[in-house]
PDB file of all heavy atoms in Angstrom:
ATOM      1  N   ILE A   1     -16.225 -12.552  -0.394  1.00  0.00           N
ATOM      2  CA  ILE A   1     -16.472 -11.342   0.390  1.00  0.00           C
ATOM      3  C   ILE A   1     -15.174 -10.844   1.019  1.00  0.00           C
ATOM      4  O   ILE A   1     -14.893  -9.633   1.031  1.00  0.00           O
ATOM      5  CB  ILE A   1     -17.538 -11.614   1.457  1.00  0.00           C
ATOM      6  CG1 ILE A   1     -18.899 -11.812   0.794  1.00  0.00           C
ATOM      7  CG2 ILE A   1     -17.607 -10.471   2.477  1.00  0.00           C
ATOM      8  CD1 ILE A   1     -19.933 -12.439   1.680  1.00  0.00           C
ATOM      9  N   ALA A   2     -14.356 -11.782   1.509  1.00  0.00           N
ATOM     10  CA  ALA A   2     -13.065 -11.393   2.091  1.00  0.00           C
ATOM     11  C   ALA A   2     -12.178 -10.745   1.037  1.00  0.00           C
ATOM     12  O   ALA A   2     -11.446  -9.783   1.328  1.00  0.00           O
ATOM     13  CB  ALA A   2     -12.374 -12.607   2.699  1.00  0.00           C
ATOM     14  N   GLU A   3     -12.227 -11.246  -0.196  1.00  0.00           N
ATOM     15  CA  GLU A   3     -11.444 -10.626  -1.280  1.00  0.00           C
ATOM     16  C   GLU A   3     -11.913  -9.201  -1.532  1.00  0.00           C
ATOM     17  O   GLU A   3     -11.085  -8.289  -1.722  1.00  0.00           O
ATOM     18  CB  GLU A   3     -11.574 -11.471  -2.543  1.00  0.00           C
ATOM     19  CG  GLU A   3     -10.824 -12.796  -2.495  1.00  0.00           C
ATOM     20  CD  GLU A   3     -11.082 -13.679  -3.683  1.00  0.00           C
ATOM     21  OE1 GLU A   3     -12.021 -13.389  -4.471  1.00  0.00           O
ATOM     22  OE2 GLU A   3     -10.350 -14.675  -3.847  1.00  0.00           O
ATOM     23  N   SER A   4     -13.218  -8.991  -1.527  1.00  0.00           N
ATOM     24  CA  SER A   4     -13.735  -7.631  -1.725  1.00  0.00           C
ATOM     25  C   SER A   4     -13.294  -6.701  -0.596  1.00  0.00           C
ATOM     26  O   SER A   4     -12.954  -5.533  -0.840  1.00  0.00           O
ATOM     27  CB  SER A   4     -15.269  -7.647  -1.817  1.00  0.00           C
ATOM     28  OG  SER A   4     -15.696  -7.897  -3.133  1.00  0.00           O
ATOM     29  N   GLN A   5     -13.296  -7.206   0.614  1.00  0.00           N
ATOM     30  CA  GLN A   5     -12.857  -6.373   1.739  1.00  0.00           C
ATOM     31  C   GLN A   5     -11.390  -5.994   1.598  1.00  0.00           C
ATOM     32  O   GLN A   5     -11.013  -4.838   1.827  1.00  0.00           O
ATOM     33  CB  GLN A   5     -13.111  -7.127   3.047  1.00  0.00           C
ATOM     34  CG  GLN A   5     -14.585  -7.249   3.396  1.00  0.00           C
ATOM     35  CD  GLN A   5     -14.865  -8.172   4.551  1.00  0.00           C
ATOM     36  OE1 GLN A   5     -14.104  -9.107   4.813  1.00  0.00           O
ATOM     37  NE2 GLN A   5     -15.964  -7.936   5.250  1.00  0.00           N
ATOM     38  N   ARG A   6     -10.545  -6.955   1.199  1.00  0.00           N
ATOM     39  CA  ARG A   6      -9.122  -6.642   0.996  1.00  0.00           C
ATOM     40  C   ARG A   6      -8.934  -5.671  -0.161  1.00  0.00           C
ATOM     41  O   ARG A   6      -8.084  -4.763  -0.097  1.00  0.00           O
ATOM     42  CB  ARG A   6      -8.335  -7.928   0.740  1.00  0.00           C
ATOM     43  CG  ARG A   6      -8.163  -8.803   1.971  1.00  0.00           C
ATOM     44  CD  ARG A   6      -7.107  -9.867   1.756  1.00  0.00           C
ATOM     45  NE  ARG A   6      -7.512 -10.840   0.748  1.00  0.00           N
ATOM     46  CZ  ARG A   6      -8.217 -11.946   1.007  1.00  0.00           C
ATOM     47  NH1 ARG A   6      -8.617 -12.203   2.243  1.00  0.00           N
ATOM     48  NH2 ARG A   6      -8.527 -12.787   0.042  1.00  0.00           N
ATOM     49  N   ALA A   7      -9.728  -5.843  -1.200  1.00  0.00           N
ATOM     50  CA  ALA A   7      -9.611  -4.951  -2.354  1.00  0.00           C
ATOM     51  C   ALA A   7      -9.988  -3.524  -1.972  1.00  0.00           C
ATOM     52  O   ALA A   7      -9.313  -2.563  -2.363  1.00  0.00           O
ATOM     53  CB  ALA A   7     -10.498  -5.453  -3.491  1.00  0.00           C
ATOM     54  N   LEU A   8     -11.063  -3.364  -1.195  1.00  0.00           N
ATOM     55  CA  LEU A   8     -11.453  -2.024  -0.778  1.00  0.00           C
ATOM     56  C   LEU A   8     -10.406  -1.392   0.132  1.00  0.00           C
ATOM     57  O   LEU A   8     -10.165  -0.182   0.068  1.00  0.00           O
ATOM     58  CB  LEU A   8     -12.811  -2.060  -0.076  1.00  0.00           C
ATOM     59  CG  LEU A   8     -14.025  -2.138  -1.005  1.00  0.00           C
ATOM     60  CD1 LEU A   8     -15.303  -2.287  -0.194  1.00  0.00           C
ATOM     61  CD2 LEU A   8     -14.113  -0.923  -1.909  1.00  0.00           C
ATOM     62  N   GLU A   9      -9.772  -2.195   0.962  1.00  0.00           N
ATOM     63  CA  GLU A   9      -8.674  -1.673   1.783  1.00  0.00           C
ATOM     64  C   GLU A   9      -7.559  -1.131   0.906  1.00  0.00           C
ATOM     65  O   GLU A   9      -6.972  -0.085   1.198  1.00  0.00           O
ATOM     66  CB  GLU A   9      -8.154  -2.766   2.710  1.00  0.00           C
ATOM     67  CG  GLU A   9      -9.115  -3.128   3.841  1.00  0.00           C
ATOM     68  CD  GLU A   9      -8.693  -4.381   4.580  1.00  0.00           C
ATOM     69  OE1 GLU A   9      -7.599  -4.906   4.279  1.00  0.00           O
ATOM     70  OE2 GLU A   9      -9.457  -4.845   5.458  1.00  0.00           O
ATOM     71  N   ALA A  10      -7.276  -1.832  -0.198  1.00  0.00           N
ATOM     72  CA  ALA A  10      -6.245  -1.357  -1.135  1.00  0.00           C
ATOM     73  C   ALA A  10      -6.659  -0.044  -1.794  1.00  0.00           C
ATOM     74  O   ALA A  10      -5.806   0.779  -2.139  1.00  0.00           O
ATOM     75  CB  ALA A  10      -5.966  -2.425  -2.193  1.00  0.00           C
ATOM     76  N   LEU A  11      -7.960   0.150  -1.972  1.00  0.00           N
ATOM     77  CA  LEU A  11      -8.449   1.395  -2.574  1.00  0.00           C
ATOM     78  C   LEU A  11      -8.516   2.537  -1.577  1.00  0.00           C
ATOM     79  O   LEU A  11      -8.635   3.691  -1.981  1.00  0.00           O
ATOM     80  CB  LEU A  11      -9.835   1.179  -3.181  1.00  0.00           C
ATOM     81  CG  LEU A  11      -9.936   0.234  -4.380  1.00  0.00           C
ATOM     82  CD1 LEU A  11     -11.380   0.138  -4.857  1.00  0.00           C
ATOM     83  CD2 LEU A  11      -9.024   0.665  -5.523  1.00  0.00           C
ATOM     84  N   GLY A  12      -8.491   2.211  -0.280  1.00  0.00           N
ATOM     85  CA  GLY A  12      -8.501   3.265   0.719  1.00  0.00           C
ATOM     86  C   GLY A  12      -9.636   3.205   1.706  1.00  0.00           C
ATOM     87  O   GLY A  12      -9.819   4.122   2.512  1.00  0.00           O
ATOM     88  N   GLY A  13     -10.438   2.133   1.670  1.00  0.00           N
ATOM     89  CA  GLY A  13     -11.515   2.020   2.657  1.00  0.00           C
ATOM     90  C   GLY A  13     -12.793   1.529   2.029  1.00  0.00           C
ATOM     91  O   GLY A  13     -12.794   0.860   1.006  1.00  0.00           O
ATOM     92  N   GLY A  14     -13.904   1.864   2.646  1.00  0.00           N
ATOM     93  CA  GLY A  14     -15.191   1.401   2.148  1.00  0.00           C
ATOM     94  C   GLY A  14     -15.765   0.312   3.036  1.00  0.00           C
ATOM     95  O   GLY A  14     -15.038  -0.376   3.755  1.00  0.00           O
ATOM     96  N   ILE A  15     -17.081   0.155   2.990  1.00  0.00           N
ATOM     97  CA  ILE A  15     -17.796  -0.798   3.829  1.00  0.00           C
ATOM     98  C   ILE A  15     -18.537  -1.776   2.928  1.00  0.00           C
ATOM     99  O   ILE A  15     -19.277  -1.365   2.024  1.00  0.00           O
ATOM    100  CB  ILE A  15     -18.798  -0.079   4.748  1.00  0.00           C
ATOM    101  CG1 ILE A  15     -18.074   0.990   5.567  1.00  0.00           C
ATOM    102  CG2 ILE A  15     -19.508  -1.071   5.665  1.00  0.00           C
ATOM    103  CD1 ILE A  15     -19.004   1.961   6.245  1.00  0.00           C
ATOM    104  N   VAL A  16     -18.351  -3.068   3.165  1.00  0.00           N
ATOM    105  CA  VAL A  16     -18.973  -4.115   2.365  1.00  0.00           C
ATOM    106  C   VAL A  16     -20.256  -4.589   3.030  1.00  0.00           C
ATOM    107  O   VAL A  16     -20.287  -4.836   4.240  1.00  0.00           O
ATOM    108  CB  VAL A  16     -18.008  -5.305   2.178  1.00  0.00           C
ATOM    109  CG1 VAL A  16     -18.715  -6.491   1.549  1.00  0.00           C
ATOM    110  CG2 VAL A  16     -16.814  -4.896   1.321  1.00  0.00           C
ATOM    111  N   HIS A  17     -21.318  -4.723   2.224  1.00  0.00           N
ATOM    112  CA  HIS A  17     -22.593  -5.248   2.694  1.00  0.00           C
ATOM    113  C   HIS A  17     -22.992  -6.431   1.813  1.00  0.00           C
ATOM    114  O   HIS A  17     -22.927  -6.337   0.585  1.00  0.00           O
ATOM    115  CB  HIS A  17     -23.685  -4.177   2.641  1.00  0.00           C
ATOM    116  CG  HIS A  17     -23.295  -2.892   3.310  1.00  0.00           C
ATOM    117  ND1 HIS A  17     -23.316  -2.730   4.682  1.00  0.00           N
ATOM    118  CD2 HIS A  17     -22.853  -1.710   2.789  1.00  0.00           C
ATOM    119  CE1 HIS A  17     -22.922  -1.498   4.976  1.00  0.00           C
ATOM    120  NE2 HIS A  17     -22.639  -0.866   3.851  1.00  0.00           N
ATOM    121  N   GLU A  18     -23.409  -7.507   2.417  1.00  0.00           N
ATOM    122  CA  GLU A  18     -23.754  -8.722   1.681  1.00  0.00           C
ATOM    123  C   GLU A  18     -25.232  -8.723   1.295  1.00  0.00           C
ATOM    124  O   GLU A  18     -26.098  -8.529   2.132  1.00  0.00           O
ATOM    125  CB  GLU A  18     -23.462  -9.955   2.531  1.00  0.00           C
ATOM    126  CG  GLU A  18     -22.008 -10.086   2.958  1.00  0.00           C
ATOM    127  CD  GLU A  18     -21.805 -11.259   3.895  1.00  0.00           C
ATOM    128  OE1 GLU A  18     -22.392 -12.331   3.631  1.00  0.00           O
ATOM    129  OE2 GLU A  18     -21.079 -11.099   4.899  1.00  0.00           O
ATOM    130  N   GLY A  19     -25.483  -8.980  -0.006  1.00  0.00           N
ATOM    131  CA  GLY A  19     -26.865  -9.097  -0.469  1.00  0.00           C
ATOM    132  C   GLY A  19     -27.402 -10.509  -0.369  1.00  0.00           C
ATOM    133  O   GLY A  19     -28.590 -10.714  -0.110  1.00  0.00           O
ATOM    134  N   GLY A  20     -26.534 -11.499  -0.615  1.00  0.00           N
ATOM    135  CA  GLY A  20     -26.908 -12.887  -0.422  1.00  0.00           C
ATOM    136  C   GLY A  20     -27.730 -13.524  -1.522  1.00  0.00           C
ATOM    137  O   GLY A  20     -28.156 -14.676  -1.387  1.00  0.00           O
ATOM    138  N   ILE A  21     -27.968 -12.834  -2.633  1.00  0.00           N
ATOM    139  CA  ILE A  21     -28.702 -13.427  -3.751  1.00  0.00           C
ATOM    140  C   ILE A  21     -27.798 -14.481  -4.410  1.00  0.00           C
ATOM    141  O   ILE A  21     -26.609 -14.235  -4.593  1.00  0.00           O
ATOM    142  CB  ILE A  21     -29.100 -12.349  -4.775  1.00  0.00           C
ATOM    143  CG1 ILE A  21     -29.952 -11.263  -4.118  1.00  0.00           C
ATOM    144  CG2 ILE A  21     -29.813 -12.969  -5.978  1.00  0.00           C
ATOM    145  CD1 ILE A  21     -31.279 -11.727  -3.604  1.00  0.00           C
ATOM    146  N   PRO A  22     -28.332 -15.641  -4.769  1.00  0.00           N
ATOM    147  CA  PRO A  22     -27.481 -16.654  -5.416  1.00  0.00           C
ATOM    148  C   PRO A  22     -26.878 -16.151  -6.730  1.00  0.00           C
ATOM    149  O   PRO A  22     -27.580 -15.581  -7.569  1.00  0.00           O
ATOM    150  CB  PRO A  22     -28.437 -17.820  -5.664  1.00  0.00           C
ATOM    151  CG  PRO A  22     -29.535 -17.637  -4.676  1.00  0.00           C
ATOM    152  CD  PRO A  22     -29.692 -16.148  -4.523  1.00  0.00           C
ATOM    153  N   ASP A  23     -25.585 -16.332  -6.870  1.00  0.00           N
ATOM    154  CA  ASP A  23     -24.871 -15.991  -8.101  1.00  0.00           C
ATOM    155  C   ASP A  23     -25.521 -16.724  -9.276  1.00  0.00           C
ATOM    156  O   ASP A  23     -25.873 -17.895  -9.183  1.00  0.00           O
ATOM    157  CB  ASP A  23     -23.410 -16.429  -7.942  1.00  0.00           C
ATOM    158  CG  ASP A  23     -22.505 -15.875  -9.022  1.00  0.00           C
ATOM    159  OD1 ASP A  23     -23.000 -15.250  -9.980  1.00  0.00           O
ATOM    160  OD2 ASP A  23     -21.280 -16.098  -8.907  1.00  0.00           O
ATOM    161  N   ARG A  24     -25.698 -15.996 -10.382  1.00  0.00           N
ATOM    162  CA  ARG A  24     -26.333 -16.496 -11.592  1.00  0.00           C
ATOM    163  C   ARG A  24     -27.839 -16.683 -11.431  1.00  0.00           C
ATOM    164  O   ARG A  24     -28.496 -17.222 -12.314  1.00  0.00           O
ATOM    165  CB  ARG A  24     -25.707 -17.817 -12.059  1.00  0.00           C
ATOM    166  CG  ARG A  24     -24.348 -17.653 -12.720  1.00  0.00           C
ATOM    167  CD  ARG A  24     -24.493 -17.226 -14.165  1.00  0.00           C
ATOM    168  NE  ARG A  24     -23.204 -16.901 -14.775  1.00  0.00           N
ATOM    169  CZ  ARG A  24     -23.074 -16.491 -16.037  1.00  0.00           C
ATOM    170  NH1 ARG A  24     -24.146 -16.375 -16.817  1.00  0.00           N
ATOM    171  NH2 ARG A  24     -21.888 -16.189 -16.521  1.00  0.00           N
ATOM    172  N   GLY A  25     -28.380 -16.195 -10.316  1.00  0.00           N
ATOM    173  CA  GLY A  25     -29.817 -16.311 -10.104  1.00  0.00           C
ATOM    174  C   GLY A  25     -30.520 -14.987  -9.973  1.00  0.00           C
ATOM    175  O   GLY A  25     -31.695 -14.941  -9.601  1.00  0.00           O
ATOM    176  N   ALA A  26     -29.828 -13.896 -10.291  1.00  0.00           N
ATOM    177  CA  ALA A  26     -30.398 -12.572 -10.043  1.00  0.00           C
ATOM    178  C   ALA A  26     -31.655 -12.322 -10.866  1.00  0.00           C
ATOM    179  O   ALA A  26     -32.598 -11.687 -10.388  1.00  0.00           O
ATOM    180  CB  ALA A  26     -29.350 -11.492 -10.318  1.00  0.00           C
ATOM    181  N   GLY A  27     -31.672 -12.820 -12.088  1.00  0.00           N
ATOM    182  CA  GLY A  27     -32.832 -12.581 -12.937  1.00  0.00           C
ATOM    183  C   GLY A  27     -34.112 -13.183 -12.402  1.00  0.00           C
ATOM    184  O   GLY A  27     -35.223 -12.719 -12.739  1.00  0.00           O
ATOM    185  N   ASP A  28     -33.991 -14.205 -11.574  1.00  0.00           N
ATOM    186  CA  ASP A  28     -35.163 -14.854 -10.971  1.00  0.00           C
ATOM    187  C   ASP A  28     -35.538 -14.233  -9.629  1.00  0.00           C
ATOM    188  O   ASP A  28     -36.503 -14.673  -9.000  1.00  0.00           O
ATOM    189  CB  ASP A  28     -34.891 -16.344 -10.769  1.00  0.00           C
ATOM    190  CG  ASP A  28     -34.631 -17.069 -12.076  1.00  0.00           C
ATOM    191  OD1 ASP A  28     -35.278 -16.721 -13.085  1.00  0.00           O
ATOM    192  OD2 ASP A  28     -33.761 -17.972 -12.096  1.00  0.00           O
ATOM    193  N   ARG A  29     -34.782 -13.247  -9.184  1.00  0.00           N
ATOM    194  CA  ARG A  29     -34.995 -12.673  -7.845  1.00  0.00           C
ATOM    195  C   ARG A  29     -35.172 -11.158  -7.899  1.00  0.00           C
ATOM    196  O   ARG A  29     -34.791 -10.455  -6.966  1.00  0.00           O
ATOM    197  CB  ARG A  29     -33.792 -13.003  -6.949  1.00  0.00           C
ATOM    198  CG  ARG A  29     -33.431 -14.472  -6.840  1.00  0.00           C
ATOM    199  CD  ARG A  29     -34.397 -15.243  -5.978  1.00  0.00           C
ATOM    200  NE  ARG A  29     -33.949 -16.592  -5.700  1.00  0.00           N
ATOM    201  CZ  ARG A  29     -33.385 -16.992  -4.571  1.00  0.00           C
ATOM    202  NH1 ARG A  29     -33.210 -16.133  -3.585  1.00  0.00           N
ATOM    203  NH2 ARG A  29     -33.019 -18.242  -4.410  1.00  0.00           N
TER     204      ARG A  29
END
């Protein structure tokens, strides 16, 4: 999440929101 926040800062801004679904588990959720 911190990497995404830094990346968005490099792009010029944006707001990050966490979904919290387990990675590789989206199909079950």
